[in-house]
Amino acid sequence: MSGAASCREIRHALGVYVLGAIEPGDRAQVDEHLATCADCREELASLAGLPALLRRVPTAEAERLRRRPRTGSPVTPGIRSPRSTATPGRP
């Protein structure tokens, strides 16, 4: 990130931010943005449970997923993506 970060840039960084894996300079930029942006603070709050959830994944399963070739959509079958909540034929 460079200069004043947009909400889009900040939201892309929130995952590593909440996991504590963000670079110090980027962290400062996220902190600065969060101080003035309620929408991004809300997004961060929605990710608050992520570290605990990830700790529940068995190490062997995490390794298997890490080695798996990346193909197609990252969406798990049977799980709707948050972006695909519209019913077909309806706006």
Protein backbone atom coordinates (compact mmCIF):
# COMPACT_ATOMS: atom_id res chain seq x y z
CA MET A 1 0.00 0.00 0.00
CA SER A 2 1.20 3.46 -0.69
CA GLY A 3 -0.13 6.94 0.07
CA ALA A 4 -3.68 7.22 1.36
CA ALA A 5 -5.19 3.75 1.03
CA SER A 6 -8.68 3.22 -0.34
CA CYS A 7 -11.28 1.09 1.38
CA ARG A 8 -10.69 -1.57 -1.27
CA GLU A 9 -6.96 -1.73 -0.46
CA ILE A 10 -7.65 -1.76 3.27
CA ARG A 11 -10.19 -4.56 3.00
CA HIS A 12 -7.68 -6.66 1.09
CA ALA A 13 -5.24 -6.18 3.97
CA LEU A 14 -7.66 -6.92 6.82
CA GLY A 15 -7.11 -10.70 6.75
CA VAL A 16 -3.38 -10.43 7.42
CA TYR A 17 -4.08 -7.55 9.82
CA VAL A 18 -6.42 -9.63 11.99
CA LEU A 19 -3.94 -12.54 11.95
CA GLY A 20 -1.11 -10.23 13.02
CA ALA A 21 0.93 -11.05 9.91
CA ILE A 22 0.87 -7.57 8.38
CA GLU A 23 4.02 -5.53 7.79
CA PRO A 24 4.49 -2.70 10.33
CA GLY A 25 4.22 0.05 7.69
CA ASP A 26 1.03 -1.45 6.28
CA ARG A 27 -0.35 -1.90 9.80
CA ALA A 28 0.13 1.80 10.48
CA GLN A 29 -1.70 2.64 7.26
CA VAL A 30 -4.59 0.30 8.13
CA ASP A 31 -4.77 1.75 11.66
CA GLU A 32 -4.91 5.26 10.24
CA HIS A 33 -7.69 4.33 7.83
CA LEU A 34 -9.69 2.45 10.47
CA ALA A 35 -9.64 5.53 12.69
CA THR A 36 -11.81 7.35 10.16
CA CYS A 37 -13.77 4.62 8.32
CA ALA A 38 -16.70 2.96 10.05
CA ASP A 39 -17.34 0.60 7.11
CA CYS A 40 -13.83 -0.85 7.27
CA ARG A 41 -14.04 -1.11 11.08
CA GLU A 42 -17.25 -3.10 10.62
CA GLU A 43 -15.51 -5.35 8.09
CA LEU A 44 -12.64 -5.88 10.55
CA ALA A 45 -15.11 -6.75 13.31
CA SER A 46 -16.65 -9.41 11.05
CA LEU A 47 -13.21 -11.04 10.77
CA ALA A 48 -12.51 -11.04 14.51
CA GLY A 49 -13.28 -14.77 14.87
CA LEU A 50 -10.96 -15.79 12.03
CA PRO A 51 -7.85 -16.58 14.12
CA ALA A 52 -9.80 -18.88 16.45
CA LEU A 53 -11.51 -20.56 13.52
CA LEU A 54 -8.20 -21.17 11.76
CA ARG A 55 -6.72 -22.68 14.95
CA ARG A 56 -9.44 -25.34 14.79
CA VAL A 57 -8.21 -26.64 11.42
CA PRO A 58 -6.05 -29.72 12.02
CA THR A 59 -2.44 -29.22 10.90
CA ALA A 60 -2.59 -32.18 8.50
CA GLU A 61 -5.69 -30.75 6.82
CA ALA A 62 -4.11 -27.31 6.51
CA GLU A 63 -1.04 -28.86 4.88
CA ARG A 64 -3.20 -30.87 2.47
CA LEU A 65 -5.10 -27.75 1.47
CA ARG A 66 -1.89 -25.76 1.08
CA ARG A 67 -0.45 -28.34 -1.32
CA ARG A 68 -3.64 -28.74 -3.34
CA PRO A 69 -3.42 -27.28 -6.87
CA ARG A 70 -5.48 -24.13 -7.26
CA THR A 71 -8.09 -24.55 -9.97
CA GLY A 72 -11.36 -22.86 -10.73
CA SER A 73 -13.43 -21.08 -8.15
CA PRO A 74 -12.33 -21.00 -4.49
CA VAL A 75 -15.96 -21.47 -3.44
CA THR A 76 -16.67 -24.74 -1.64
CA PRO A 77 -19.48 -26.78 -3.25
CA GLY A 78 -22.71 -26.30 -1.35
CA ILE A 79 -21.53 -23.06 0.26
CA ARG A 80 -22.80 -19.84 -1.26
CA SER A 81 -20.37 -17.05 -1.80
CA PRO A 82 -21.44 -13.83 -0.02
CA ARG A 83 -21.51 -12.19 -3.44
CA SER A 84 -23.89 -14.79 -4.90
CA THR A 85 -26.88 -14.23 -2.63
CA ALA A 86 -29.20 -13.13 -5.43
CA THR A 87 -31.85 -15.63 -6.49
CA PRO A 88 -31.63 -16.52 -10.22
CA GLY A 89 -34.12 -14.45 -12.15
CA ARG A 90 -34.28 -11.80 -9.42
CA PRO A 91 -32.16 -8.65 -9.12
